[in-house]
Protein backbone atom coordinates (compact mmCIF):
# COMPACT_ATOMS: atom_id res chain seq x y z
CA MET A 1 150.90 57.51 -55.99
CA SER A 2 153.86 56.13 -57.90
CA VAL A 3 153.60 52.82 -59.76
CA SER A 4 156.27 51.14 -57.62
CA LEU A 5 154.58 52.22 -54.39
CA LYS A 6 151.20 51.00 -55.62
CA ASN A 7 152.63 47.61 -56.61
CA THR A 8 154.40 47.29 -53.26
CA LEU A 9 151.19 48.04 -51.39
CA LEU A 10 149.25 45.48 -53.43
CA PHE A 11 151.77 42.73 -52.67
CA ALA A 12 151.89 43.83 -49.02
CA LEU A 13 148.09 43.55 -48.85
CA VAL A 14 148.07 40.01 -50.28
CA PHE A 15 150.88 38.74 -48.07
CA GLY A 16 149.26 40.54 -45.12
CA LEU A 17 146.11 38.49 -45.70
CA ILE A 18 148.19 35.30 -45.65
CA LEU A 19 149.94 36.41 -42.43
CA ALA A 20 146.55 37.22 -40.87
CA THR A 21 145.43 33.70 -41.74
CA GLY A 22 148.41 32.32 -39.83
CA ILE A 23 147.78 34.56 -36.82
CA PHE A 24 144.02 34.11 -36.52
CA GLN A 25 143.55 30.61 -37.99
CA SER A 26 146.59 28.37 -38.36
CA TRP A 27 150.12 28.65 -39.67
CA ASN A 28 149.63 25.31 -41.38
CA VAL A 29 146.70 26.75 -43.33
CA ALA A 30 148.62 29.95 -44.13
CA LEU A 31 151.67 28.06 -45.38
CA GLY A 32 149.46 25.73 -47.41
CA ILE A 33 147.90 28.77 -49.10
CA PHE A 34 151.35 30.29 -49.63
CA ASN A 35 152.77 27.15 -51.25
CA MET A 36 149.83 26.69 -53.61
CA GLY A 37 149.96 30.43 -54.27
CA LEU A 38 153.55 30.02 -55.45
CA ILE A 39 152.53 27.19 -57.80
CA SER A 40 149.51 29.19 -59.00
CA ALA A 41 151.78 32.16 -59.70
CA ILE A 42 154.01 29.94 -61.86
CA MET A 43 150.97 28.68 -63.80
CA ALA A 44 149.81 32.28 -64.26
CA LEU A 45 153.27 33.20 -65.56
CA GLY A 46 153.01 30.46 -68.18
CA VAL A 47 149.57 31.60 -69.36
CA ASN A 48 150.72 35.25 -69.26
CA MET A 49 153.56 34.39 -71.64
CA GLN A 50 151.09 33.00 -74.15
CA TRP A 51 148.34 35.59 -73.80
CA GLY A 52 150.14 38.67 -72.49
CA TYR A 53 153.17 38.36 -74.78
CA ALA A 54 151.62 36.94 -77.94
CA GLY A 55 147.82 37.04 -77.62
CA LEU A 56 147.41 33.24 -77.84
CA PHE A 57 144.12 32.12 -76.28
CA ASN A 58 144.99 28.74 -74.74
CA ILE A 59 142.29 27.19 -72.58
CA GLY A 60 143.93 23.78 -72.43
CA VAL A 61 146.02 24.68 -69.38
CA MET A 62 144.93 21.64 -67.40
CA GLY A 63 146.31 19.28 -70.05
CA PHE A 64 149.84 20.66 -69.71
CA VAL A 65 149.55 20.73 -65.91
CA ALA A 66 148.50 17.07 -65.99
CA LEU A 67 151.50 16.15 -68.15
CA GLY A 68 153.74 17.77 -65.54
CA GLY A 69 152.05 15.68 -62.85
CA LEU A 70 152.56 12.55 -64.95
CA ALA A 71 156.28 13.39 -65.19
CA ALA A 72 156.54 13.30 -61.39
CA VAL A 73 155.23 9.72 -61.49
CA LEU A 74 157.30 8.55 -64.45
CA VAL A 75 160.51 9.97 -62.99
CA GLY A 76 160.12 9.73 -59.22
CA MET A 77 158.20 6.50 -58.60
CA PRO A 78 160.17 3.24 -58.42
CA PRO A 79 159.70 0.76 -61.26
CA VAL A 80 157.33 -2.17 -60.67
CA GLY A 81 159.53 -5.17 -61.46
CA GLU A 82 156.71 -7.72 -61.69
CA ALA A 83 154.78 -5.53 -64.13
CA TRP A 84 157.82 -5.06 -66.35
CA ALA A 85 158.43 -8.81 -66.34
CA ALA A 86 154.79 -9.55 -67.15
CA GLY A 87 154.34 -7.22 -70.12
CA GLY A 88 156.47 -4.10 -69.87
CA LEU A 89 158.62 -4.78 -72.92
CA ARG A 90 155.55 -5.65 -74.98
CA VAL A 91 153.93 -2.33 -74.03
CA ILE A 92 157.06 -0.37 -74.99
CA LEU A 93 157.38 -2.28 -78.27
CA GLY A 94 153.74 -1.55 -79.06
CA LEU A 95 154.24 2.17 -78.47
CA VAL A 96 157.33 2.16 -80.70
CA LEU A 97 155.38 0.39 -83.46
CA GLY A 98 152.57 2.94 -83.16
CA ALA A 99 155.02 5.84 -83.45
CA LEU A 100 156.77 4.22 -86.43
CA THR A 101 153.41 3.76 -88.14
CA ILE A 102 152.66 7.47 -87.86
CA VAL A 103 156.13 8.42 -89.09
CA ALA A 104 155.88 6.02 -92.03
CA ALA A 105 152.48 7.42 -93.01
CA ILE A 106 153.80 11.00 -92.89
CA LEU A 107 156.85 10.12 -94.97
CA ALA A 108 154.75 8.26 -97.53
CA TRP A 109 152.38 11.20 -97.87
CA ALA A 110 155.29 13.62 -98.32
CA ARG A 111 157.38 11.60 -100.78
CA LEU A 112 154.95 9.70 -102.97
CA PRO A 113 153.55 11.49 -106.03
CA HIS A 114 150.09 12.98 -105.82
CA GLY A 115 147.24 10.71 -106.78
CA ARG A 116 145.08 7.81 -105.71
CA MET A 117 148.04 5.50 -105.13
CA ARG A 118 149.45 7.81 -102.47
CA ALA A 119 146.18 7.84 -100.58
CA LEU A 120 145.87 4.05 -100.81
CA ALA A 121 149.48 3.55 -99.67
CA VAL A 122 149.04 5.80 -96.66
CA LEU A 123 145.76 4.08 -95.78
CA ALA A 124 147.40 0.66 -96.05
CA ILE A 125 150.29 1.76 -93.79
CA LEU A 126 147.88 3.11 -91.19
CA VAL A 127 145.61 0.04 -91.18
CA VAL A 128 148.43 -2.53 -91.06
CA GLY A 129 150.38 -0.48 -88.54
CA PHE A 130 147.34 -0.03 -86.29
CA LEU A 131 146.47 -3.73 -86.31
CA THR A 132 150.10 -4.66 -85.58
CA TYR A 133 150.29 -2.08 -82.81
CA ARG A 134 147.15 -3.40 -81.11
CA TRP A 135 148.27 -7.01 -81.53
CA VAL A 136 151.48 -6.26 -79.64
CA PHE A 137 150.25 -3.58 -77.25
CA ASP A 138 146.94 -4.91 -75.87
CA PRO A 139 148.22 -8.21 -74.36
CA GLY A 140 151.06 -6.32 -72.68
CA VAL A 141 148.64 -3.84 -71.11
CA VAL A 142 146.39 -6.64 -69.84
CA ALA A 143 149.37 -8.43 -68.29
CA VAL A 144 150.68 -5.26 -66.61
CA GLU A 145 147.32 -4.24 -65.17
CA LYS A 146 146.80 -7.72 -63.66
CA VAL A 147 149.86 -7.34 -61.41
CA ASN A 148 148.47 -6.36 -58.00
CA PRO A 149 145.83 -3.99 -59.42
CA ALA A 150 144.83 -2.77 -55.96
CA GLY A 151 148.34 -1.55 -55.16
CA THR A 152 150.17 -1.08 -58.45
CA GLY A 153 148.84 -2.38 -61.78
CA TYR A 154 151.18 -0.07 -63.69
CA LEU A 155 154.79 0.05 -64.81
CA GLY A 156 155.97 2.63 -62.29
CA GLY A 157 158.73 5.14 -62.98
CA LEU A 158 162.48 5.45 -63.12
CA GLY A 159 163.09 5.84 -59.39
CA LEU A 160 165.12 9.05 -59.83
CA PRO A 161 165.11 12.03 -57.41
CA VAL A 162 161.78 13.76 -57.71
CA LEU A 163 163.40 17.16 -58.31
CA VAL A 164 164.52 15.79 -61.68
CA ALA A 165 160.83 15.41 -62.55
CA TRP A 166 160.25 19.17 -62.43
CA PRO A 167 162.25 20.07 -65.56
CA VAL A 168 161.12 16.79 -67.15
CA GLY A 169 157.52 17.91 -66.60
CA GLY A 170 158.30 21.13 -68.42
CA LEU A 171 159.93 19.21 -71.28
CA LEU A 172 157.00 16.79 -71.54
CA ALA A 173 154.50 19.66 -71.70
CA ALA A 174 156.73 21.50 -74.19
CA GLY A 175 156.84 18.46 -76.46
CA ALA A 176 153.07 18.13 -76.39
CA ALA A 177 152.73 21.87 -77.02
CA TRP A 178 155.01 21.62 -80.06
CA LEU A 179 152.87 18.85 -81.56
CA ILE A 180 149.68 20.78 -80.83
CA GLY A 181 151.11 24.05 -82.08
CA LYS A 182 152.27 22.61 -85.38
CA THR A 183 148.66 21.74 -86.20
CA ALA A 184 146.53 24.26 -84.28
CA LEU A 185 148.39 27.60 -84.23
CA GLY A 186 147.27 28.43 -87.75
CA LEU A 187 143.68 28.61 -86.51
CA ARG A 188 141.84 31.78 -85.55
CA SER A 189 141.90 32.61 -81.84
CA ASP A 190 138.45 31.18 -81.04
CA TYR A 191 139.17 27.97 -82.94
CA LEU A 192 142.55 27.73 -81.22
CA ALA A 193 140.79 27.91 -77.86
CA ILE A 194 138.41 25.10 -78.83
CA ALA A 195 141.28 22.99 -80.17
CA THR A 196 143.43 23.39 -77.05
CA LEU A 197 140.48 22.61 -74.79
CA GLY A 198 139.70 19.46 -76.75
CA ILE A 199 143.31 18.28 -76.73
CA ALA A 200 143.54 18.91 -72.98
CA GLU A 201 140.46 16.76 -72.46
CA ILE A 202 142.07 14.00 -74.55
CA ILE A 203 145.19 14.12 -72.33
CA ILE A 204 143.07 13.90 -69.17
CA SER A 205 141.03 11.06 -70.66
CA VAL A 206 144.22 9.11 -71.40
CA LEU A 207 145.46 9.57 -67.83
CA LYS A 208 142.10 8.44 -66.46
CA ASN A 209 141.83 5.30 -68.58
CA GLU A 210 145.36 4.02 -69.22
CA ASP A 211 145.98 2.23 -65.93
CA TRP A 212 149.32 0.82 -67.08
CA LEU A 213 150.64 4.38 -67.34
CA SER A 214 149.26 6.23 -64.30
CA ARG A 215 146.84 3.81 -62.57
CA GLY A 216 143.93 5.79 -64.01
CA VAL A 217 141.31 6.88 -61.49
CA LYS A 218 142.84 4.59 -58.85
CA ASN A 219 145.51 7.30 -58.43
CA VAL A 220 149.22 7.01 -57.77
CA VAL A 221 150.02 7.62 -54.11
CA GLY A 222 153.32 7.91 -52.31
CA VAL A 223 155.08 10.12 -54.87
CA PRO A 224 158.57 10.78 -53.43
CA ARG A 225 159.23 14.20 -51.97
CA PRO A 226 162.36 16.37 -51.75
CA VAL A 227 161.75 17.21 -48.08
CA PRO A 228 161.53 15.01 -44.96
CA TYR A 229 158.30 13.35 -43.90
CA GLU A 230 156.56 14.75 -40.85
CA ILE A 231 156.72 11.40 -39.08
CA ASP A 232 160.49 11.26 -39.58
CA LEU A 233 160.89 14.67 -37.96
CA GLN A 234 158.70 13.60 -35.07
CA LYS A 235 160.94 10.57 -34.55
CA SER A 236 164.07 12.75 -34.55
CA GLU A 237 165.13 13.31 -30.97
CA GLY A 238 167.09 16.43 -31.88
CA PHE A 239 164.12 18.02 -33.68
CA VAL A 240 161.69 17.15 -30.89
CA ALA A 241 164.04 18.46 -28.17
CA ARG A 242 164.64 21.69 -30.08
CA MET A 243 160.93 22.31 -30.64
CA GLN A 244 160.06 21.60 -27.02
CA ALA A 245 162.83 23.93 -25.87
CA TRP A 246 161.34 26.67 -28.03
CA GLY A 247 157.85 25.96 -26.71
CA PHE A 248 156.38 24.41 -29.87
CA ASP A 249 154.34 21.25 -30.24
CA PRO A 250 156.59 18.82 -32.21
CA VAL A 251 153.67 17.47 -34.26
CA THR A 252 152.53 20.91 -35.41
CA ALA A 253 156.12 22.10 -35.81
CA SER A 254 156.98 19.14 -38.07
CA SER A 255 154.13 20.01 -40.45
CA ILE A 256 155.17 23.66 -40.51
CA ALA A 257 158.82 22.73 -41.11
CA VAL A 258 157.90 20.57 -44.10
CA LYS A 259 155.76 23.33 -45.61
CA LEU A 260 158.57 25.85 -45.10
CA ALA A 261 160.99 23.50 -46.86
CA TYR A 262 158.62 23.20 -49.81
CA ALA A 263 158.21 26.97 -49.83
CA GLY A 264 161.99 27.37 -50.09
CA PHE A 265 162.12 25.23 -53.25
CA PHE A 266 159.09 26.92 -54.79
CA VAL A 267 160.34 30.46 -54.07
CA VAL A 268 163.64 29.72 -55.81
CA VAL A 269 161.83 28.42 -58.91
CA LEU A 270 159.41 31.35 -58.99
CA LEU A 271 162.14 33.98 -58.61
CA ALA A 272 164.20 32.34 -61.35
CA LEU A 273 161.21 32.29 -63.70
CA ILE A 274 160.33 35.92 -62.96
CA TRP A 275 163.90 37.00 -63.69
CA LEU A 276 164.04 35.03 -66.94
CA ALA A 277 160.60 36.26 -68.03
CA GLU A 278 161.48 39.89 -67.30
CA MET A 279 164.80 39.65 -69.14
CA ALA A 280 163.04 38.09 -72.13
CA LEU A 281 160.24 40.66 -72.13
CA LYS A 282 162.67 43.60 -72.11
CA SER A 283 164.87 42.11 -74.85
CA PRO A 284 164.45 42.65 -78.61
CA TRP A 285 162.70 39.27 -78.69
CA GLY A 286 160.12 40.51 -76.16
CA ARG A 287 159.50 43.70 -78.14
CA MET A 288 159.06 41.61 -81.27
CA MET A 289 156.50 39.37 -79.52
CA ARG A 290 154.48 42.37 -78.37
CA ALA A 291 154.61 43.85 -81.86
CA ILE A 292 153.24 40.59 -83.27
CA ARG A 293 150.54 40.56 -80.60
CA ASP A 294 149.45 44.13 -81.34
CA ASN A 295 149.50 43.91 -85.15
CA GLU A 296 150.33 40.64 -86.87
CA VAL A 297 149.98 42.11 -90.35
CA ALA A 298 152.46 44.92 -89.70
CA ALA A 299 154.93 42.55 -88.02
CA GLU A 300 154.72 40.11 -90.92
CA ALA A 301 155.26 42.97 -93.36
CA MET A 302 158.50 43.75 -91.49
CA GLY A 303 159.72 40.22 -92.18
CA LYS A 304 158.82 38.50 -88.90
CA ASP A 305 157.77 34.84 -89.02
CA VAL A 306 154.56 35.15 -87.01
CA THR A 307 153.67 31.45 -87.01
CA ALA A 308 157.14 30.40 -85.84
CA ARG A 309 157.16 32.98 -83.05
CA HIS A 310 153.67 31.90 -81.94
CA LEU A 311 154.85 28.30 -81.78
CA GLN A 312 157.89 29.37 -79.78
CA ILE A 313 155.94 31.25 -77.12
CA PHE A 314 153.25 28.56 -77.00
CA VAL A 315 155.89 25.94 -76.21
CA LEU A 316 157.57 28.14 -73.58
CA GLY A 317 154.34 28.97 -71.77
CA SER A 318 153.20 25.34 -71.80
CA ALA A 319 156.58 24.24 -70.43
CA VAL A 320 156.12 26.58 -67.46
CA CYS A 321 152.64 25.13 -66.83
CA GLY A 322 154.09 21.61 -67.00
CA LEU A 323 156.78 22.58 -64.48
CA ALA A 324 154.07 23.87 -62.15
CA GLY A 325 152.11 20.62 -62.59
CA ALA A 326 155.13 18.52 -61.56
CA MET A 327 155.66 20.75 -58.52
CA MET A 328 152.02 20.45 -57.49
CA THR A 329 152.01 16.65 -57.74
CA THR A 330 155.18 16.58 -55.65
CA LEU A 331 153.53 18.80 -53.05
CA ASP A 332 150.37 16.66 -52.97
CA GLY A 333 152.36 13.40 -52.90
CA GLN A 334 149.93 11.78 -55.34
CA LEU A 335 148.67 11.94 -58.91
CA THR A 336 144.87 12.17 -59.09
CA PRO A 337 143.76 12.54 -62.74
CA GLY A 338 140.14 13.02 -61.69
CA THR A 339 140.95 16.38 -60.08
CA TYR A 340 142.22 18.01 -63.28
CA GLN A 341 139.06 19.99 -63.87
CA PRO A 342 138.74 23.06 -66.15
CA LEU A 343 137.34 25.13 -63.27
CA ARG A 344 140.47 24.67 -61.17
CA PHE A 345 143.29 24.70 -63.71
CA THR A 346 141.96 26.73 -66.61
CA PHE A 347 139.28 29.18 -65.53
CA LEU A 348 141.01 29.96 -62.24
CA VAL A 349 144.42 30.55 -63.85
CA TRP A 350 142.85 32.81 -66.46
CA VAL A 351 141.16 34.82 -63.69
CA MET A 352 144.58 35.17 -62.02
CA VAL A 353 146.12 36.58 -65.22
CA ILE A 354 143.23 38.93 -65.99
CA VAL A 355 142.90 40.26 -62.45
CA GLY A 356 146.65 40.61 -61.95
CA GLY A 357 147.27 42.25 -65.32
CA SER A 358 147.99 40.42 -68.58
CA GLY A 359 151.30 41.29 -70.17
CA ASN A 360 152.88 42.06 -66.79
CA ASN A 361 154.79 39.28 -65.04
CA LEU A 362 154.44 40.83 -61.58
CA GLY A 363 150.73 41.25 -62.21
CA ALA A 364 150.38 37.55 -63.03
CA VAL A 365 152.23 36.65 -59.82
CA LEU A 366 150.02 38.99 -57.76
CA GLY A 367 146.90 37.51 -59.34
CA GLY A 368 148.12 33.99 -58.59
CA PHE A 369 148.49 34.70 -54.88
CA LEU A 370 145.33 36.81 -54.53
CA ILE A 371 142.92 34.56 -56.40
CA TRP A 372 144.20 31.39 -54.75
CA PHE A 373 143.86 32.99 -51.30
CA LEU A 374 140.27 33.94 -52.07
CA TRP A 375 139.54 30.53 -53.59
CA VAL A 376 140.56 28.83 -50.34
CA GLN A 377 139.19 31.33 -47.83
CA VAL A 378 135.96 32.55 -49.36
CA GLU A 379 133.90 29.44 -48.62
CA PRO A 380 134.60 29.32 -44.83
CA LEU A 381 134.24 33.10 -44.64
CA GLY A 382 130.97 32.84 -46.55
CA ARG A 383 129.70 30.25 -44.09
CA TRP A 384 130.60 32.54 -41.18
CA LEU A 385 128.89 35.47 -42.90
CA MET A 386 125.71 33.48 -43.45
CA ASP A 387 125.74 32.35 -39.82
CA VAL A 388 125.91 35.99 -38.74
CA ILE A 389 123.17 37.07 -41.16
CA THR A 390 120.80 34.27 -40.10
CA LEU A 391 121.53 34.60 -36.39
CA GLY A 392 118.13 36.14 -35.65
CA LEU A 393 116.11 33.82 -37.88
CA PRO A 394 114.29 30.88 -36.27
CA ASP A 395 115.57 27.35 -36.83
CA GLY A 396 113.71 25.59 -39.61
CA SER A 397 113.04 28.82 -41.49
CA TRP A 398 113.19 28.32 -45.27
CA LEU A 399 115.13 31.56 -45.64
CA LYS A 400 117.74 30.50 -43.10
CA GLY A 401 118.15 27.12 -44.73
CA HIS A 402 118.46 28.67 -48.17
CA LEU A 403 121.09 31.20 -47.06
CA LEU A 404 123.17 28.56 -45.24
CA GLU A 405 123.08 26.26 -48.27
CA SER A 406 124.15 29.10 -50.56
CA ALA A 407 127.45 29.45 -48.66
CA ALA A 408 128.78 26.51 -50.66
CA HIS A 409 128.53 28.62 -53.83
CA MET A 410 130.42 31.62 -52.48
CA ARG A 411 133.58 30.66 -54.38
CA LEU A 412 131.98 30.92 -57.80
CA LEU A 413 130.07 34.06 -56.85
CA THR A 414 133.23 35.73 -55.53
CA MET A 415 135.34 34.82 -58.57
CA GLY A 416 132.71 36.22 -60.91
CA LEU A 417 132.24 39.35 -58.80
CA ILE A 418 135.99 40.05 -58.64
CA LEU A 419 136.34 39.53 -62.38
CA VAL A 420 133.47 41.94 -63.13
CA LEU A 421 134.77 44.61 -60.72
CA VAL A 422 138.33 44.45 -62.05
CA LEU A 423 137.18 44.59 -65.68
CA ARG A 424 134.94 47.56 -64.82
CA PHE A 425 137.31 49.68 -62.74
CA SER A 426 140.75 48.41 -63.84
CA PRO A 427 140.26 46.68 -67.20
CA ARG A 428 144.01 46.16 -67.69
CA GLY A 429 144.39 44.45 -64.30
CA LEU A 430 145.66 45.50 -60.90
CA ILE A 431 149.23 45.84 -62.23
CA PRO A 432 148.75 46.67 -65.91
CA GLU A 433 151.34 46.29 -68.62
CA ARG A 434 153.42 49.42 -69.07
């Protein structure tokens, strides 16, 4: 069997499973899986750039995804006028003072002569700057969070079209990745993994606790969307008449139409990213990145700046993850910092890349769709399977109760089983790198 035929059959199988879900379950469920599969594929592309191109072990994926989600709030949500009047300018001034303190400390450390005086000067700048920052910042935060805390209690955003937030999410994640990379990319791979995980947890902790920024665990709801609301379609006489003429329920049809509109946006983004990633991988730059990945010592001996190239690909991959995070928050219509868990956004994305085939963009996309489909469908299928297995057992039996309760753990069991099988029989993934 040729490689192209095999790849086509694998994609046909995955999309066939999604179509079967629509036929036998619900088209709403199938389209929901398809849309999140598109976003998962974009996340997998970002991780594949870092690991498959350059061998960077980043397990802080959820931090960059969360920054993308924050961008959707900061760009798309309308500003809260009362909060800005109460303490918005004081908050911004405090942040500026904090940034200036860090810059001043860095400049002092770089320009002053070595010795005890340099250390004391830097310490003095940090202490005075920190106290000034807190003196300005804290009262502003308290004032902002007192403004209707049940409904707002934060500054809001810029009120721009939410599609603008998607590239902004990528830029925000890229900026954070640059700061992280400048300090962490010199570490060995296992230390880099620990560092990225810790920094991701810091980002999530900030989103959970800084109510003035993202309402913390109270969540931001009502994030604008680039497609119509279902209720608006149901109120449209033309849409309702057209659906009834075609024999569709207008309520169900409105939900399907919205999901199809989202799918159109997501497909365009995914295809553009695949094209760009493929062009980059086949270019001299892509060959250089793979040479660095395979043998850093030899690449450095040939005059390649390994650290700079690692920073470059780390920023690019993180930007793609941030873009996916902004898209996901737009799809959900809300920012919920408490849901950014390592199991969902780090472990799962890594399984997608490994199963699909690291180093191969099409493999990462295939893994994104396949693993997300299984993640959604395995638990209900597991419950059905346990019902069938325990059909002949009497009610109240300890074995029946144990088997039915174990259905809730089918997701984790299935992910582990798939990972073991793929690593055993196709260690380079379903679509391996050529």
